[in-house]
């Protein structure tokens, strides 16, 4: 494995770890109840931490093959959730039928940064880093 590939895997692991710890901070410390779309995004982020950590400890050339499908599904949910948050998708087509509405905005930093946008940024960064790993091989 090339040094640049392991650097991008480490960066992917770092982003996934920060996203995971951030989501746990928001729900467990700040007591923000996650909506259904947030849960779907978490379901696909959490295993990435484990997969990427294992790959850092035991390098495997197939890490992109293992992790990219998980990233793509999580990225799909993040894009969908952001389209909802920015009111480009009506709330009538949202899977959040029970509990907290998917349009709930717990944070609003600088007038546009919310939790779904943070998730989209994390998935996008991991996607770009994994593309660089694939390109480097």
N, C-alpha and C. Protein backbone atom coordinates (compact mmCIF):
# COMPACT_ATOMS: atom_id res chain seq x y z
N UNK A 1 0.85 -1.18 0.00
CA UNK A 1 0.00 0.00 0.00
C UNK A 1 0.89 1.24 0.00
N UNK A 2 0.54 2.20 -0.83
CA UNK A 2 1.31 3.42 -0.92
C UNK A 2 1.04 4.31 0.28
N UNK A 3 2.03 5.15 0.58
CA UNK A 3 1.91 6.05 1.74
C UNK A 3 0.74 7.02 1.58
N UNK A 4 0.53 7.52 0.35
CA UNK A 4 -0.58 8.46 0.14
C UNK A 4 -1.92 7.77 0.36
N UNK A 5 -2.02 6.49 0.00
CA UNK A 5 -3.26 5.75 0.22
C UNK A 5 -3.55 5.61 1.70
N UNK A 6 -2.53 5.28 2.48
CA UNK A 6 -2.76 5.13 3.92
C UNK A 6 -3.08 6.48 4.57
N UNK A 7 -2.56 7.56 4.01
CA UNK A 7 -2.90 8.89 4.52
C UNK A 7 -4.38 9.19 4.29
N UNK A 8 -4.88 8.87 3.09
CA UNK A 8 -6.29 9.11 2.79
C UNK A 8 -7.19 8.20 3.60
N UNK A 9 -6.75 6.98 3.87
CA UNK A 9 -7.53 6.09 4.73
C UNK A 9 -7.57 6.64 6.15
N UNK A 10 -6.43 7.15 6.62
CA UNK A 10 -6.41 7.75 7.96
C UNK A 10 -7.34 8.97 8.01
N UNK A 11 -7.32 9.81 6.99
CA UNK A 11 -8.20 10.98 6.96
C UNK A 11 -9.67 10.55 6.94
N UNK A 12 -9.97 9.49 6.20
CA UNK A 12 -11.34 8.97 6.17
C UNK A 12 -11.74 8.47 7.56
N UNK A 13 -10.83 7.75 8.19
CA UNK A 13 -11.09 7.26 9.56
C UNK A 13 -11.31 8.44 10.50
N UNK A 14 -10.49 9.47 10.38
CA UNK A 14 -10.61 10.64 11.24
C UNK A 14 -11.97 11.32 11.07
N UNK A 15 -12.39 11.52 9.84
CA UNK A 15 -13.69 12.16 9.57
C UNK A 15 -14.82 11.29 10.10
N UNK A 16 -14.76 9.99 9.85
CA UNK A 16 -15.81 9.08 10.33
C UNK A 16 -15.86 9.07 11.86
N UNK A 17 -14.70 9.12 12.49
CA UNK A 17 -14.65 9.13 13.96
C UNK A 17 -15.23 10.41 14.53
N UNK A 18 -14.88 11.54 13.93
CA UNK A 18 -15.42 12.83 14.39
C UNK A 18 -16.93 12.88 14.18
N UNK A 19 -17.41 12.38 13.03
CA UNK A 19 -18.85 12.36 12.77
C UNK A 19 -19.57 11.47 13.77
N UNK A 20 -18.99 10.32 14.08
CA UNK A 20 -19.59 9.40 15.04
C UNK A 20 -19.63 10.01 16.43
N UNK A 21 -18.49 10.55 16.87
CA UNK A 21 -18.45 11.18 18.19
C UNK A 21 -19.37 12.40 18.26
N UNK A 22 -19.44 13.15 17.17
CA UNK A 22 -20.33 14.31 17.12
C UNK A 22 -21.79 13.91 17.25
N UNK A 23 -22.17 12.84 16.54
CA UNK A 23 -23.57 12.40 16.62
C UNK A 23 -23.90 11.89 18.02
N UNK A 24 -22.95 11.21 18.63
CA UNK A 24 -23.17 10.75 20.01
C UNK A 24 -23.22 11.91 20.99
N UNK A 25 -22.39 12.93 20.76
CA UNK A 25 -22.43 14.13 21.61
C UNK A 25 -23.79 14.81 21.52
N UNK A 26 -24.27 14.99 20.28
CA UNK A 26 -25.57 15.67 20.11
C UNK A 26 -26.70 14.89 20.77
N UNK A 27 -26.68 13.57 20.67
CA UNK A 27 -27.80 12.81 21.22
C UNK A 27 -27.65 12.50 22.71
N UNK A 28 -26.45 12.17 23.16
CA UNK A 28 -26.28 11.74 24.55
C UNK A 28 -25.99 12.89 25.51
N UNK A 29 -25.24 13.89 25.06
CA UNK A 29 -24.89 15.01 25.94
C UNK A 29 -25.90 16.15 25.78
N UNK A 30 -26.15 16.54 24.55
CA UNK A 30 -27.08 17.66 24.30
C UNK A 30 -28.54 17.23 24.35
N UNK A 31 -28.78 15.92 24.38
CA UNK A 31 -30.13 15.36 24.46
C UNK A 31 -31.00 15.69 23.23
N UNK A 32 -30.38 15.81 22.05
CA UNK A 32 -31.13 16.01 20.81
C UNK A 32 -31.62 14.63 20.35
N UNK A 33 -32.91 14.48 20.16
CA UNK A 33 -33.47 13.21 19.71
C UNK A 33 -33.33 13.13 18.19
N UNK A 34 -32.62 12.11 17.68
CA UNK A 34 -32.42 12.02 16.23
C UNK A 34 -33.71 11.60 15.50
N UNK A 35 -33.89 12.15 14.32
CA UNK A 35 -35.03 11.77 13.48
C UNK A 35 -34.68 10.48 12.72
N UNK A 36 -35.61 9.97 11.96
CA UNK A 36 -35.38 8.73 11.21
C UNK A 36 -34.24 8.86 10.22
N UNK A 37 -34.20 9.97 9.51
CA UNK A 37 -33.13 10.17 8.51
C UNK A 37 -31.76 10.25 9.20
N UNK A 38 -31.72 10.84 10.37
CA UNK A 38 -30.46 10.90 11.13
C UNK A 38 -30.02 9.50 11.54
N UNK A 39 -30.97 8.66 11.91
CA UNK A 39 -30.63 7.28 12.29
C UNK A 39 -30.07 6.53 11.10
N UNK A 40 -30.68 6.71 9.93
CA UNK A 40 -30.17 6.02 8.74
C UNK A 40 -28.73 6.44 8.45
N UNK A 41 -28.46 7.73 8.58
CA UNK A 41 -27.10 8.21 8.33
C UNK A 41 -26.13 7.66 9.36
N UNK A 42 -26.56 7.55 10.61
CA UNK A 42 -25.71 6.97 11.65
C UNK A 42 -25.42 5.50 11.36
N UNK A 43 -26.44 4.79 10.94
CA UNK A 43 -26.29 3.35 10.67
C UNK A 43 -25.17 3.11 9.66
N UNK A 44 -24.99 4.02 8.72
CA UNK A 44 -23.96 3.84 7.71
C UNK A 44 -22.64 4.51 8.06
N UNK A 45 -22.63 5.41 9.04
CA UNK A 45 -21.38 6.05 9.45
C UNK A 45 -20.62 5.21 10.47
N UNK A 46 -21.32 4.67 11.43
CA UNK A 46 -20.65 3.96 12.53
C UNK A 46 -19.77 2.80 12.06
N UNK A 47 -20.22 1.94 11.14
CA UNK A 47 -19.35 0.83 10.73
C UNK A 47 -18.10 1.30 9.98
N UNK A 48 -18.16 2.47 9.38
CA UNK A 48 -16.99 2.98 8.67
C UNK A 48 -15.81 3.18 9.62
N UNK A 49 -16.09 3.60 10.83
CA UNK A 49 -15.02 3.79 11.82
C UNK A 49 -14.29 2.46 12.04
N UNK A 50 -15.04 1.40 12.21
CA UNK A 50 -14.45 0.08 12.47
C UNK A 50 -13.71 -0.43 11.24
N UNK A 51 -14.34 -0.35 10.08
CA UNK A 51 -13.72 -0.85 8.84
C UNK A 51 -12.41 -0.11 8.56
N UNK A 52 -12.44 1.21 8.68
CA UNK A 52 -11.24 2.00 8.38
C UNK A 52 -10.16 1.81 9.43
N UNK A 53 -10.54 1.65 10.69
CA UNK A 53 -9.54 1.38 11.74
C UNK A 53 -8.87 0.03 11.51
N UNK A 54 -9.66 -0.98 11.19
CA UNK A 54 -9.08 -2.30 10.92
C UNK A 54 -8.13 -2.21 9.73
N UNK A 55 -8.50 -1.42 8.73
CA UNK A 55 -7.62 -1.28 7.58
C UNK A 55 -6.35 -0.53 7.92
N UNK A 56 -6.41 0.39 8.84
CA UNK A 56 -5.18 1.08 9.26
C UNK A 56 -4.26 0.11 10.00
N UNK A 57 -4.83 -0.78 10.80
CA UNK A 57 -4.04 -1.73 11.57
C UNK A 57 -3.55 -2.89 10.71
N UNK A 58 -4.40 -3.36 9.80
CA UNK A 58 -4.08 -4.48 8.91
C UNK A 58 -4.41 -4.07 7.48
N UNK A 59 -3.49 -3.38 6.81
CA UNK A 59 -3.77 -2.85 5.47
C UNK A 59 -4.25 -3.91 4.48
N UNK A 60 -5.27 -3.52 3.75
CA UNK A 60 -5.89 -4.39 2.76
C UNK A 60 -6.20 -3.54 1.53
N UNK A 61 -5.81 -4.04 0.36
CA UNK A 61 -6.04 -3.27 -0.87
C UNK A 61 -7.51 -3.18 -1.26
N UNK A 62 -8.36 -3.93 -0.61
CA UNK A 62 -9.78 -3.94 -0.97
C UNK A 62 -10.64 -3.05 -0.08
N UNK A 63 -10.03 -2.17 0.69
CA UNK A 63 -10.79 -1.34 1.63
C UNK A 63 -11.82 -0.47 0.91
N UNK A 64 -11.50 0.00 -0.28
CA UNK A 64 -12.46 0.83 -1.02
C UNK A 64 -13.67 -0.01 -1.42
N UNK A 65 -13.41 -1.25 -1.80
CA UNK A 65 -14.51 -2.15 -2.17
C UNK A 65 -15.44 -2.41 -0.98
N UNK A 66 -14.89 -2.49 0.22
CA UNK A 66 -15.69 -2.74 1.42
C UNK A 66 -16.46 -1.50 1.87
N UNK A 67 -15.79 -0.36 1.82
CA UNK A 67 -16.36 0.83 2.44
C UNK A 67 -17.14 1.73 1.48
N UNK A 68 -16.81 1.74 0.20
CA UNK A 68 -17.48 2.65 -0.73
C UNK A 68 -19.00 2.43 -0.81
N UNK A 69 -19.50 1.18 -0.85
CA UNK A 69 -20.97 1.03 -0.87
C UNK A 69 -21.64 1.63 0.36
N UNK A 70 -21.02 1.48 1.52
CA UNK A 70 -21.58 2.04 2.75
C UNK A 70 -21.59 3.57 2.66
N UNK A 71 -20.49 4.14 2.15
CA UNK A 71 -20.40 5.59 2.01
C UNK A 71 -21.45 6.10 1.03
N UNK A 72 -21.64 5.40 -0.08
CA UNK A 72 -22.61 5.86 -1.09
C UNK A 72 -24.04 5.85 -0.56
N UNK A 73 -24.40 4.82 0.19
CA UNK A 73 -25.76 4.78 0.76
C UNK A 73 -25.93 5.89 1.80
N UNK A 74 -24.93 6.06 2.66
CA UNK A 74 -24.99 7.14 3.65
C UNK A 74 -25.04 8.51 2.98
N UNK A 75 -24.27 8.67 1.91
CA UNK A 75 -24.26 9.93 1.16
C UNK A 75 -25.63 10.20 0.53
N UNK A 76 -26.27 9.15 0.03
CA UNK A 76 -27.62 9.29 -0.52
C UNK A 76 -28.59 9.83 0.54
N UNK A 77 -28.56 9.22 1.74
CA UNK A 77 -29.45 9.68 2.81
C UNK A 77 -29.11 11.11 3.22
N UNK A 78 -27.82 11.45 3.25
CA UNK A 78 -27.41 12.81 3.63
C UNK A 78 -27.90 13.83 2.60
N UNK A 79 -27.77 13.50 1.33
CA UNK A 79 -28.25 14.41 0.27
C UNK A 79 -29.76 14.58 0.39
N UNK A 80 -30.46 13.47 0.54
CA UNK A 80 -31.91 13.51 0.66
C UNK A 80 -32.35 14.36 1.85
N UNK A 81 -31.68 14.17 2.98
CA UNK A 81 -32.02 14.93 4.19
C UNK A 81 -31.75 16.42 4.00
N UNK A 82 -30.67 16.75 3.32
CA UNK A 82 -30.37 18.17 3.07
C UNK A 82 -31.35 18.79 2.10
N UNK A 83 -31.77 18.04 1.11
CA UNK A 83 -32.80 18.56 0.20
C UNK A 83 -34.09 18.87 0.96
N UNK A 84 -34.38 18.03 1.93
CA UNK A 84 -35.55 18.27 2.79
C UNK A 84 -35.35 19.51 3.66
N UNK A 85 -34.17 19.61 4.28
CA UNK A 85 -33.90 20.74 5.18
C UNK A 85 -33.93 22.08 4.45
N UNK A 86 -33.46 22.09 3.21
CA UNK A 86 -33.46 23.33 2.42
C UNK A 86 -34.75 23.49 1.62
N UNK A 87 -35.76 22.67 1.99
CA UNK A 87 -37.11 22.76 1.44
C UNK A 87 -37.18 22.57 -0.07
N UNK A 88 -36.30 21.72 -0.60
CA UNK A 88 -36.35 21.35 -2.01
C UNK A 88 -37.17 20.08 -2.21
N UNK A 89 -37.44 19.37 -1.13
CA UNK A 89 -38.32 18.21 -1.13
C UNK A 89 -39.42 18.49 -0.11
N UNK A 90 -40.67 18.28 -0.49
CA UNK A 90 -41.76 18.55 0.47
C UNK A 90 -41.75 17.52 1.60
N UNK A 91 -42.20 17.94 2.77
CA UNK A 91 -42.22 17.06 3.94
C UNK A 91 -43.18 15.89 3.77
N UNK A 92 -44.07 15.96 2.80
CA UNK A 92 -45.03 14.88 2.59
C UNK A 92 -44.37 13.61 2.05
N UNK A 93 -43.16 13.70 1.50
CA UNK A 93 -42.46 12.52 0.96
C UNK A 93 -41.32 12.07 1.86
N UNK A 94 -41.40 12.42 3.13
CA UNK A 94 -40.34 12.12 4.08
C UNK A 94 -40.70 10.87 4.88
N UNK A 95 -39.72 10.01 5.16
CA UNK A 95 -40.02 8.80 5.94
C UNK A 95 -40.21 9.05 7.43
N UNK A 96 -40.06 10.28 7.88
CA UNK A 96 -40.20 10.58 9.32
C UNK A 96 -41.68 10.72 9.67
N UNK A 97 -42.31 9.59 9.96
CA UNK A 97 -43.73 9.62 10.29
C UNK A 97 -43.97 9.51 11.79
N UNK A 98 -42.96 9.05 12.53
CA UNK A 98 -43.09 8.94 13.97
C UNK A 98 -41.92 9.68 14.62
N UNK A 99 -42.15 10.14 15.82
CA UNK A 99 -41.06 10.78 16.56
C UNK A 99 -40.77 12.18 16.06
N UNK A 100 -39.49 12.53 16.06
CA UNK A 100 -39.05 13.87 15.71
C UNK A 100 -39.16 14.07 14.19
N UNK A 101 -39.73 15.20 13.76
CA UNK A 101 -39.77 15.48 12.32
C UNK A 101 -38.36 15.63 11.74
N UNK A 102 -38.18 15.20 10.50
CA UNK A 102 -36.87 15.27 9.86
C UNK A 102 -36.44 16.72 9.58
N UNK A 103 -37.37 17.63 9.65
CA UNK A 103 -37.03 19.03 9.39
C UNK A 103 -36.66 19.79 10.67
N UNK A 104 -36.59 19.09 11.79
CA UNK A 104 -36.22 19.73 13.05
C UNK A 104 -34.79 20.24 12.96
N UNK A 105 -34.62 21.48 13.36
CA UNK A 105 -33.29 22.10 13.28
C UNK A 105 -32.79 22.39 14.70
N UNK A 106 -31.93 21.50 15.19
CA UNK A 106 -31.41 21.67 16.55
C UNK A 106 -30.31 22.73 16.61
N UNK A 107 -29.49 22.79 15.59
CA UNK A 107 -28.44 23.81 15.55
C UNK A 107 -28.57 24.59 14.25
N UNK A 108 -28.09 25.82 14.26
CA UNK A 108 -28.06 26.64 13.06
C UNK A 108 -26.89 27.61 13.22
N UNK A 109 -25.72 27.13 12.80
CA UNK A 109 -24.51 27.94 12.90
C UNK A 109 -24.34 28.75 11.63
N UNK A 110 -24.09 30.03 11.76
CA UNK A 110 -23.87 30.96 10.64
C UNK A 110 -25.07 31.03 9.70
N UNK A 111 -26.24 30.63 10.17
CA UNK A 111 -27.45 30.74 9.37
C UNK A 111 -27.68 29.63 8.37
N UNK A 112 -26.74 28.66 8.24
CA UNK A 112 -26.96 27.59 7.26
C UNK A 112 -26.36 26.24 7.67
N UNK A 113 -25.52 26.19 8.65
CA UNK A 113 -24.89 24.92 9.04
C UNK A 113 -25.76 24.24 10.08
N UNK A 114 -26.31 23.08 9.70
CA UNK A 114 -27.13 22.28 10.61
C UNK A 114 -26.57 20.86 10.65
N UNK A 115 -27.17 20.00 11.44
CA UNK A 115 -26.65 18.64 11.61
C UNK A 115 -26.67 17.85 10.30
N UNK A 116 -27.74 17.89 9.50
CA UNK A 116 -27.70 17.16 8.23
C UNK A 116 -26.59 17.67 7.29
N UNK A 117 -26.30 18.96 7.31
CA UNK A 117 -25.22 19.48 6.47
C UNK A 117 -23.87 18.97 6.97
N UNK A 118 -23.69 18.86 8.28
CA UNK A 118 -22.46 18.29 8.81
C UNK A 118 -22.29 16.85 8.35
N UNK A 119 -23.39 16.10 8.34
CA UNK A 119 -23.35 14.72 7.86
C UNK A 119 -22.99 14.66 6.38
N UNK A 120 -23.58 15.55 5.59
CA UNK A 120 -23.28 15.60 4.15
C UNK A 120 -21.81 15.92 3.92
N UNK A 121 -21.27 16.85 4.67
CA UNK A 121 -19.85 17.20 4.54
C UNK A 121 -18.98 16.00 4.90
N UNK A 122 -19.32 15.31 5.98
CA UNK A 122 -18.53 14.14 6.39
C UNK A 122 -18.56 13.06 5.33
N UNK A 123 -19.72 12.70 4.84
CA UNK A 123 -19.81 11.67 3.81
C UNK A 123 -19.11 12.09 2.53
N UNK A 124 -19.23 13.36 2.17
CA UNK A 124 -18.56 13.85 0.96
C UNK A 124 -17.04 13.77 1.09
N UNK A 125 -16.53 14.16 2.24
CA UNK A 125 -15.08 14.08 2.46
C UNK A 125 -14.58 12.64 2.40
N UNK A 126 -15.30 11.74 3.06
CA UNK A 126 -14.90 10.33 3.04
C UNK A 126 -14.95 9.79 1.62
N UNK A 127 -15.98 10.15 0.87
CA UNK A 127 -16.11 9.73 -0.53
C UNK A 127 -14.91 10.21 -1.34
N UNK A 128 -14.54 11.47 -1.20
CA UNK A 128 -13.40 12.03 -1.94
C UNK A 128 -12.10 11.35 -1.52
N UNK A 129 -11.92 11.14 -0.22
CA UNK A 129 -10.70 10.48 0.25
C UNK A 129 -10.60 9.06 -0.29
N UNK A 130 -11.71 8.32 -0.31
CA UNK A 130 -11.68 6.95 -0.82
C UNK A 130 -11.46 6.92 -2.33
N UNK A 131 -11.97 7.91 -3.04
CA UNK A 131 -11.66 8.00 -4.47
C UNK A 131 -10.16 8.20 -4.70
N UNK A 132 -9.55 8.99 -3.83
CA UNK A 132 -8.10 9.19 -3.93
C UNK A 132 -7.34 7.91 -3.62
N UNK A 133 -7.83 7.13 -2.69
CA UNK A 133 -7.20 5.84 -2.38
C UNK A 133 -7.28 4.94 -3.61
N UNK A 134 -8.44 4.91 -4.23
CA UNK A 134 -8.64 4.06 -5.42
C UNK A 134 -7.76 4.54 -6.57
N UNK A 135 -7.66 5.86 -6.73
CA UNK A 135 -6.84 6.42 -7.81
C UNK A 135 -5.36 6.15 -7.57
N UNK A 136 -4.95 6.10 -6.31
CA UNK A 136 -3.56 5.90 -5.97
C UNK A 136 -3.07 4.48 -6.15
N UNK A 137 -3.99 3.56 -6.43
CA UNK A 137 -3.59 2.15 -6.55
C UNK A 137 -3.44 1.74 -7.99
